[in-house]
Every structure is written in structure tokens, then in C-alpha cells.
PDB file of all heavy atoms in Angstrom:
ATOM      1  N   ALA A   1       8.058   2.887  -4.593  1.00  0.00           N
ATOM      2  CA  ALA A   1       9.323   2.515  -4.961  1.00  0.00           C
ATOM      3  C   ALA A   1       9.185   1.666  -6.227  1.00  0.00           C
ATOM      4  O   ALA A   1       8.291   0.960  -6.376  1.00  0.00           O
ATOM      5  CB  ALA A   1      10.115   1.681  -3.895  1.00  0.00           C
ATOM      6  N   ASP A   2      10.269   1.688  -7.091  1.00  0.00           N
ATOM      7  CA  ASP A   2      10.163   0.900  -8.324  1.00  0.00           C
ATOM      8  C   ASP A   2       9.970  -0.522  -8.131  1.00  0.00           C
ATOM      9  O   ASP A   2       9.336  -1.207  -8.837  1.00  0.00           O
ATOM     10  CB  ASP A   2      11.402   1.167  -9.223  1.00  0.00           C
ATOM     11  CG  ASP A   2      11.465   2.654  -9.831  1.00  0.00           C
ATOM     12  OD1 ASP A   2      10.416   3.296  -9.845  1.00  0.00           O
ATOM     13  OD2 ASP A   2      12.561   3.038 -10.137  1.00  0.00           O
ATOM     14  N   SER A   3      10.580  -0.957  -7.032  1.00  0.00           N
ATOM     15  CA  SER A   3      10.582  -2.406  -6.807  1.00  0.00           C
ATOM     16  C   SER A   3       9.212  -2.992  -6.427  1.00  0.00           C
ATOM     17  O   SER A   3       9.001  -4.126  -6.446  1.00  0.00           O
ATOM     18  CB  SER A   3      11.553  -2.771  -5.692  1.00  0.00           C
ATOM     19  OG  SER A   3      11.248  -2.110  -4.530  1.00  0.00           O
ATOM     20  N   VAL A   4       8.247  -2.049  -6.007  1.00  0.00           N
ATOM     21  CA  VAL A   4       6.972  -2.504  -5.479  1.00  0.00           C
ATOM     22  C   VAL A   4       5.793  -2.073  -6.383  1.00  0.00           C
ATOM     23  O   VAL A   4       4.645  -2.371  -6.102  1.00  0.00           O
ATOM     24  CB  VAL A   4       6.646  -2.207  -4.012  1.00  0.00           C
ATOM     25  CG1 VAL A   4       7.817  -2.723  -3.156  1.00  0.00           C
ATOM     26  CG2 VAL A   4       6.542  -0.708  -3.868  1.00  0.00           C
ATOM     27  N   LYS A   5       6.090  -1.243  -7.394  1.00  0.00           N
ATOM     28  CA  LYS A   5       5.049  -0.633  -8.164  1.00  0.00           C
ATOM     29  C   LYS A   5       4.174  -1.769  -8.836  1.00  0.00           C
ATOM     30  O   LYS A   5       4.774  -2.796  -9.264  1.00  0.00           O
ATOM     31  CB  LYS A   5       5.592   0.223  -9.338  1.00  0.00           C
ATOM     32  CG  LYS A   5       6.118   1.541  -8.827  1.00  0.00           C
ATOM     33  CD  LYS A   5       6.633   2.393  -9.927  1.00  0.00           C
ATOM     34  CE  LYS A   5       7.093   3.816  -9.524  1.00  0.00           C
ATOM     35  NZ  LYS A   5       7.646   4.588 -10.630  1.00  0.00           N
ATOM     36  N   ASP A   6       2.958  -1.637  -8.880  1.00  0.00           N
ATOM     37  CA  ASP A   6       1.906  -2.635  -9.395  1.00  0.00           C
ATOM     38  C   ASP A   6       1.743  -3.811  -8.501  1.00  0.00           C
ATOM     39  O   ASP A   6       0.953  -4.723  -8.923  1.00  0.00           O
ATOM     40  CB  ASP A   6       2.371  -2.992 -10.837  1.00  0.00           C
ATOM     41  CG  ASP A   6       2.444  -1.895 -11.753  1.00  0.00           C
ATOM     42  OD1 ASP A   6       1.557  -0.956 -11.705  1.00  0.00           O
ATOM     43  OD2 ASP A   6       3.368  -1.918 -12.612  1.00  0.00           O
ATOM     44  N   ARG A   7       2.451  -3.924  -7.351  1.00  0.00           N
ATOM     45  CA  ARG A   7       2.289  -5.045  -6.513  1.00  0.00           C
ATOM     46  C   ARG A   7       1.762  -4.499  -5.148  1.00  0.00           C
ATOM     47  O   ARG A   7       1.084  -5.255  -4.423  1.00  0.00           O
ATOM     48  CB  ARG A   7       3.571  -5.724  -6.292  1.00  0.00           C
ATOM     49  CG  ARG A   7       4.042  -6.436  -7.515  1.00  0.00           C
ATOM     50  CD  ARG A   7       5.141  -7.373  -7.244  1.00  0.00           C
ATOM     51  NE  ARG A   7       6.385  -6.798  -6.652  1.00  0.00           N
ATOM     52  CZ  ARG A   7       6.726  -7.005  -5.373  1.00  0.00           C
ATOM     53  NH1 ARG A   7       6.025  -7.813  -4.527  1.00  0.00           N
ATOM     54  NH2 ARG A   7       7.813  -6.406  -4.882  1.00  0.00           N
ATOM     55  N   PHE A   8       2.149  -3.262  -4.684  1.00  0.00           N
ATOM     56  CA  PHE A   8       1.685  -2.763  -3.453  1.00  0.00           C
ATOM     57  C   PHE A   8       0.765  -1.641  -3.678  1.00  0.00           C
ATOM     58  O   PHE A   8       0.894  -0.919  -4.708  1.00  0.00           O
ATOM     59  CB  PHE A   8       2.846  -2.240  -2.642  1.00  0.00           C
ATOM     60  CG  PHE A   8       3.841  -3.314  -2.093  1.00  0.00           C
ATOM     61  CD1 PHE A   8       3.796  -4.549  -2.449  1.00  0.00           C
ATOM     62  CD2 PHE A   8       4.804  -2.887  -1.130  1.00  0.00           C
ATOM     63  CE1 PHE A   8       4.718  -5.527  -2.017  1.00  0.00           C
ATOM     64  CE2 PHE A   8       5.693  -3.856  -0.572  1.00  0.00           C
ATOM     65  CZ  PHE A   8       5.663  -5.109  -1.083  1.00  0.00           C
ATOM     66  N   THR A   9      -0.186  -1.424  -2.849  1.00  0.00           N
ATOM     67  CA  THR A   9      -1.133  -0.384  -2.904  1.00  0.00           C
ATOM     68  C   THR A   9      -1.300   0.333  -1.504  1.00  0.00           C
ATOM     69  O   THR A   9      -1.575  -0.346  -0.524  1.00  0.00           O
ATOM     70  CB  THR A   9      -2.554  -0.883  -3.400  1.00  0.00           C
ATOM     71  OG1 THR A   9      -2.313  -1.549  -4.610  1.00  0.00           O
ATOM     72  CG2 THR A   9      -3.455   0.317  -3.521  1.00  0.00           C
ATOM     73  N   ILE A  10      -1.087   1.606  -1.420  1.00  0.00           N
ATOM     74  CA  ILE A  10      -1.291   2.381  -0.236  1.00  0.00           C
ATOM     75  C   ILE A  10      -2.589   3.074  -0.275  1.00  0.00           C
ATOM     76  O   ILE A  10      -3.012   3.582  -1.328  1.00  0.00           O
ATOM     77  CB  ILE A  10      -0.144   3.279  -0.022  1.00  0.00           C
ATOM     78  CG1 ILE A  10      -0.220   3.943   1.370  1.00  0.00           C
ATOM     79  CG2 ILE A  10       0.044   4.417  -1.093  1.00  0.00           C
ATOM     80  CD1 ILE A  10       1.069   4.733   1.820  1.00  0.00           C
ATOM     81  N   SER A  11      -3.165   3.145   0.829  1.00  0.00           N
ATOM     82  CA  SER A  11      -4.462   3.898   0.993  1.00  0.00           C
ATOM     83  C   SER A  11      -4.505   4.656   2.321  1.00  0.00           C
ATOM     84  O   SER A  11      -3.786   4.280   3.227  1.00  0.00           O
ATOM     85  CB  SER A  11      -5.657   3.034   0.773  1.00  0.00           C
ATOM     86  OG  SER A  11      -5.754   2.005   1.752  1.00  0.00           O
ATOM     87  N   LEU A  12      -5.377   5.615   2.368  1.00  0.00           N
ATOM     88  CA  LEU A  12      -5.451   6.416   3.617  1.00  0.00           C
ATOM     89  C   LEU A  12      -6.953   6.718   3.906  1.00  0.00           C
ATOM     90  O   LEU A  12      -7.600   7.225   2.995  1.00  0.00           O
ATOM     91  CB  LEU A  12      -4.694   7.698   3.374  1.00  0.00           C
ATOM     92  CG  LEU A  12      -4.848   8.767   4.527  1.00  0.00           C
ATOM     93  CD1 LEU A  12      -4.232   8.199   5.876  1.00  0.00           C
ATOM     94  CD2 LEU A  12      -4.091  10.047   4.209  1.00  0.00           C
ATOM     95  N   HIS A  13      -7.386   6.419   5.072  1.00  0.00           N
ATOM     96  CA  HIS A  13      -8.632   6.939   5.517  1.00  0.00           C
ATOM     97  C   HIS A  13      -8.464   8.131   6.377  1.00  0.00           C
ATOM     98  O   HIS A  13      -8.094   8.076   7.506  1.00  0.00           O
ATOM     99  CB  HIS A  13      -9.365   5.768   6.342  1.00  0.00           C
ATOM    100  CG  HIS A  13     -10.788   6.010   6.578  1.00  0.00           C
ATOM    101  ND1 HIS A  13     -11.246   7.128   7.317  1.00  0.00           N
ATOM    102  CD2 HIS A  13     -11.892   5.331   6.130  1.00  0.00           C
ATOM    103  CE1 HIS A  13     -12.642   7.043   7.385  1.00  0.00           C
ATOM    104  NE2 HIS A  13     -13.046   6.010   6.631  1.00  0.00           N
ATOM    105  N   THR A  14      -8.654   9.190   5.751  1.00  0.00           N
ATOM    106  CA  THR A  14      -8.261  10.539   6.325  1.00  0.00           C
ATOM    107  C   THR A  14      -8.983  10.774   7.698  1.00  0.00           C
ATOM    108  O   THR A  14      -8.347  11.099   8.632  1.00  0.00           O
ATOM    109  CB  THR A  14      -8.483  11.681   5.423  1.00  0.00           C
ATOM    110  OG1 THR A  14      -7.784  11.445   4.159  1.00  0.00           O
ATOM    111  CG2 THR A  14      -8.008  12.977   6.018  1.00  0.00           C
ATOM    112  N   ALA A  15     -10.226  10.558   7.699  1.00  0.00           N
ATOM    113  CA  ALA A  15     -10.975  10.835   8.926  1.00  0.00           C
ATOM    114  C   ALA A  15     -10.567   9.987  10.015  1.00  0.00           C
ATOM    115  O   ALA A  15     -10.562  10.406  11.274  1.00  0.00           O
ATOM    116  CB  ALA A  15     -12.454  10.635   8.617  1.00  0.00           C
ATOM    117  N   ARG A  16     -10.200   8.743   9.770  1.00  0.00           N
ATOM    118  CA  ARG A  16      -9.761   7.796  10.785  1.00  0.00           C
ATOM    119  C   ARG A  16      -8.298   7.933  11.061  1.00  0.00           C
ATOM    120  O   ARG A  16      -7.773   7.260  12.048  1.00  0.00           O
ATOM    121  CB  ARG A  16     -10.068   6.380  10.474  1.00  0.00           C
ATOM    122  CG  ARG A  16     -11.551   6.127  10.283  1.00  0.00           C
ATOM    123  CD  ARG A  16     -11.821   4.643   9.796  1.00  0.00           C
ATOM    124  NE  ARG A  16     -13.189   4.391   9.626  1.00  0.00           N
ATOM    125  CZ  ARG A  16     -13.628   3.244   9.129  1.00  0.00           C
ATOM    126  NH1 ARG A  16     -12.847   2.205   8.881  1.00  0.00           N
ATOM    127  NH2 ARG A  16     -14.988   3.083   8.976  1.00  0.00           N
ATOM    128  N   ARG A  17      -7.673   8.701  10.265  1.00  0.00           N
ATOM    129  CA  ARG A  17      -6.192   8.916  10.400  1.00  0.00           C
ATOM    130  C   ARG A  17      -5.504   7.465  10.461  1.00  0.00           C
ATOM    131  O   ARG A  17      -4.667   7.250  11.283  1.00  0.00           O
ATOM    132  CB  ARG A  17      -5.818   9.750  11.624  1.00  0.00           C
ATOM    133  CG  ARG A  17      -6.314  11.100  11.593  1.00  0.00           C
ATOM    134  CD  ARG A  17      -6.363  11.864  12.881  1.00  0.00           C
ATOM    135  NE  ARG A  17      -6.815  13.220  12.755  1.00  0.00           N
ATOM    136  CZ  ARG A  17      -7.324  13.922  13.718  1.00  0.00           C
ATOM    137  NH1 ARG A  17      -7.355  13.338  14.914  1.00  0.00           N
ATOM    138  NH2 ARG A  17      -7.763  15.113  13.516  1.00  0.00           N
ATOM    139  N   THR A  18      -5.834   6.655   9.477  1.00  0.00           N
ATOM    140  CA  THR A  18      -5.303   5.361   9.387  1.00  0.00           C
ATOM    141  C   THR A  18      -4.948   5.031   7.977  1.00  0.00           C
ATOM    142  O   THR A  18      -5.639   5.431   7.028  1.00  0.00           O
ATOM    143  CB  THR A  18      -6.441   4.287   9.786  1.00  0.00           C
ATOM    144  OG1 THR A  18      -6.818   4.525  11.153  1.00  0.00           O
ATOM    145  CG2 THR A  18      -5.962   2.870   9.594  1.00  0.00           C
ATOM    146  N   SER A  19      -3.742   4.450   7.842  1.00  0.00           N
ATOM    147  CA  SER A  19      -3.281   4.081   6.509  1.00  0.00           C
ATOM    148  C   SER A  19      -3.276   2.493   6.305  1.00  0.00           C
ATOM    149  O   SER A  19      -3.097   1.815   7.333  1.00  0.00           O
ATOM    150  CB  SER A  19      -1.919   4.660   6.182  1.00  0.00           C
ATOM    151  OG  SER A  19      -0.898   4.067   6.941  1.00  0.00           O
ATOM    152  N   PHE A  20      -3.252   2.092   5.111  1.00  0.00           N
ATOM    153  CA  PHE A  20      -3.172   0.599   4.821  1.00  0.00           C
ATOM    154  C   PHE A  20      -2.147   0.516   3.714  1.00  0.00           C
ATOM    155  O   PHE A  20      -2.043   1.254   2.826  1.00  0.00           O
ATOM    156  CB  PHE A  20      -4.536   0.117   4.366  1.00  0.00           C
ATOM    157  CG  PHE A  20      -5.629   0.333   5.438  1.00  0.00           C
ATOM    158  CD1 PHE A  20      -6.360   1.508   5.416  1.00  0.00           C
ATOM    159  CD2 PHE A  20      -5.900  -0.661   6.362  1.00  0.00           C
ATOM    160  CE1 PHE A  20      -7.350   1.685   6.361  1.00  0.00           C
ATOM    161  CE2 PHE A  20      -6.826  -0.439   7.313  1.00  0.00           C
ATOM    162  CZ  PHE A  20      -7.608   0.732   7.253  1.00  0.00           C
ATOM    163  N   LEU A  21      -1.602  -0.712   3.692  1.00  0.00           N
ATOM    164  CA  LEU A  21      -0.593  -1.065   2.575  1.00  0.00           C
ATOM    165  C   LEU A  21      -0.961  -2.499   2.190  1.00  0.00           C
ATOM    166  O   LEU A  21      -0.788  -3.399   3.018  1.00  0.00           O
ATOM    167  CB  LEU A  21       0.812  -0.963   3.090  1.00  0.00           C
ATOM    168  CG  LEU A  21       1.867  -1.322   1.990  1.00  0.00           C
ATOM    169  CD1 LEU A  21       1.869  -0.261   0.904  1.00  0.00           C
ATOM    170  CD2 LEU A  21       3.208  -1.537   2.616  1.00  0.00           C
ATOM    171  N   GLN A  22      -1.520  -2.642   1.056  1.00  0.00           N
ATOM    172  CA  GLN A  22      -1.694  -4.009   0.547  1.00  0.00           C
ATOM    173  C   GLN A  22      -0.484  -4.530  -0.082  1.00  0.00           C
ATOM    174  O   GLN A  22       0.050  -3.837  -1.036  1.00  0.00           O
ATOM    175  CB  GLN A  22      -2.862  -4.017  -0.498  1.00  0.00           C
ATOM    176  CG  GLN A  22      -3.144  -5.473  -0.974  1.00  0.00           C
ATOM    177  CD  GLN A  22      -4.421  -5.486  -1.853  1.00  0.00           C
ATOM    178  OE1 GLN A  22      -5.358  -4.788  -1.559  1.00  0.00           O
ATOM    179  NE2 GLN A  22      -4.516  -6.472  -2.691  1.00  0.00           N
ATOM    180  N   VAL A  23      -0.031  -5.655   0.341  1.00  0.00           N
ATOM    181  CA  VAL A  23       1.251  -6.268  -0.134  1.00  0.00           C
ATOM    182  C   VAL A  23       0.943  -7.409  -0.872  1.00  0.00           C
ATOM    183  O   VAL A  23       0.477  -8.518  -0.324  1.00  0.00           O
ATOM    184  CB  VAL A  23       2.214  -6.582   0.999  1.00  0.00           C
ATOM    185  CG1 VAL A  23       3.481  -7.234   0.582  1.00  0.00           C
ATOM    186  CG2 VAL A  23       2.590  -5.253   1.832  1.00  0.00           C
ATOM    187  N   ASN A  24       1.099  -7.402  -2.169  1.00  0.00           N
ATOM    188  CA  ASN A  24       1.052  -8.589  -3.026  1.00  0.00           C
ATOM    189  C   ASN A  24       2.462  -9.229  -3.141  1.00  0.00           C
ATOM    190  O   ASN A  24       3.266  -8.799  -4.068  1.00  0.00           O
ATOM    191  CB  ASN A  24       0.489  -8.290  -4.425  1.00  0.00           C
ATOM    192  CG  ASN A  24      -0.896  -7.676  -4.407  1.00  0.00           C
ATOM    193  OD1 ASN A  24      -1.174  -6.726  -4.974  1.00  0.00           O
ATOM    194  ND2 ASN A  24      -1.740  -8.310  -3.573  1.00  0.00           N
ATOM    195  N   ALA A  25       2.759 -10.065  -2.257  1.00  0.00           N
ATOM    196  CA  ALA A  25       4.142 -10.638  -2.105  1.00  0.00           C
ATOM    197  C   ALA A  25       4.530 -11.502  -3.309  1.00  0.00           C
ATOM    198  O   ALA A  25       3.683 -12.386  -3.678  1.00  0.00           O
ATOM    199  CB  ALA A  25       4.246 -11.416  -0.781  1.00  0.00           C
ATOM    200  N   ARG A  26       5.656 -11.265  -3.826  1.00  0.00           N
ATOM    201  CA  ARG A  26       6.029 -12.094  -5.010  1.00  0.00           C
ATOM    202  C   ARG A  26       7.583 -12.538  -4.766  1.00  0.00           C
ATOM    203  O   ARG A  26       7.851 -13.569  -5.325  1.00  0.00           O
ATOM    204  CB  ARG A  26       6.014 -11.239  -6.188  1.00  0.00           C
ATOM    205  CG  ARG A  26       4.694 -10.814  -6.657  1.00  0.00           C
ATOM    206  CD  ARG A  26       3.843 -12.017  -7.129  1.00  0.00           C
ATOM    207  NE  ARG A  26       2.515 -11.510  -7.607  1.00  0.00           N
ATOM    208  CZ  ARG A  26       1.462 -11.390  -6.826  1.00  0.00           C
ATOM    209  NH1 ARG A  26       1.492 -11.573  -5.532  1.00  0.00           N
ATOM    210  NH2 ARG A  26       0.308 -10.941  -7.456  1.00  0.00           N
ATOM    211  N   LYS A  27       8.336 -11.926  -4.021  1.00  0.00           N
ATOM    212  CA  LYS A  27       9.757 -12.142  -3.892  1.00  0.00           C
ATOM    213  C   LYS A  27      10.155 -12.199  -2.440  1.00  0.00           C
ATOM    214  O   LYS A  27       9.534 -11.584  -1.573  1.00  0.00           O
ATOM    215  CB  LYS A  27      10.549 -11.102  -4.655  1.00  0.00           C
ATOM    216  CG  LYS A  27      10.182 -10.871  -6.081  1.00  0.00           C
ATOM    217  CD  LYS A  27      10.952  -9.704  -6.663  1.00  0.00           C
ATOM    218  CE  LYS A  27      10.527  -9.421  -8.107  1.00  0.00           C
ATOM    219  NZ  LYS A  27      11.273  -8.294  -8.643  1.00  0.00           N
TER     220      LYS A  27
END
């Protein structure tokens, strides 16, 4: 989303079927 670009990062470990969201909170 435009509101979180450059602040949040999503990743996926496919084999583990697990996702992560790094939240760099600013607001």
C-alpha cells in the first residue's frame, strides 16, 4: 500500500509456509 511503502517489508519462507512483515512504525 502507498501508505507503507519503504517502511514495511514482507517476506515469505516458502518451504516453511510462513510469512513475515517487518513494520517500521512511524505514525
